Amino acid sequence: MLRMTKQTDYGIVLMTHFAGAPDAQHSAPELAAALSIPPPMVSKILKLLARDGLLLSHRGVRGGYTLARDPAVISVASVVAALEGPIAMTECVEAGHGQGHDCLREPICAVRTHWQVINRVVFEALENISLAEMTRPAGASELVHLGGRRAFPGALASAPVSPASRL
């Protein structure tokens, strides 16, 4: 089963909360209480997101965290990558492939190029959803349509993908 980790799920919840009030500063205990996420998990996620440049850390008694950029320019893909590493459905499409984790079947693999297409489509779907969009209620007509159309308001790519670029 393909599933993101609980840490990444919580990270997206946290970042969406930040995006709801982009100029607000939040502390880890405040976020844990408001979002019902275990405090140690919140602290760990906030540190990872700050290390990756998505959040700014403010020290001191009145310290906390704020968004590092406008939520309209922070993608869900960047949050996932900050918490999980590069988005890759299989090892052969992972960034840095060929550096110690080569698949022995690669020279004869009949599906590698298909996995590359699938990986690209999944990445683009996550890349094309901003934190600002995550703060708005989603209806059935606003879902991302993998491999063809994107229906979020303000979508950059709303035209169908050419048949040549599909599987």
Foldseek 3Di string as FASTA:
>chain_A
DDDADPLLVVLLVLLLVLLVPQVDFDALVRSCVVVVNDSVSSVVLVVLCVVLQQWPWADDPPTGIHGNDRQVQAFSLSSSCSVPNHQAPDLLQHPPRPPPDHDPCVVPDPCSVVSNLVSVQVSVQRNQHTSNLVNDDDDPQQHQDTQFAGRHPPTPGGGGDDPVSHD
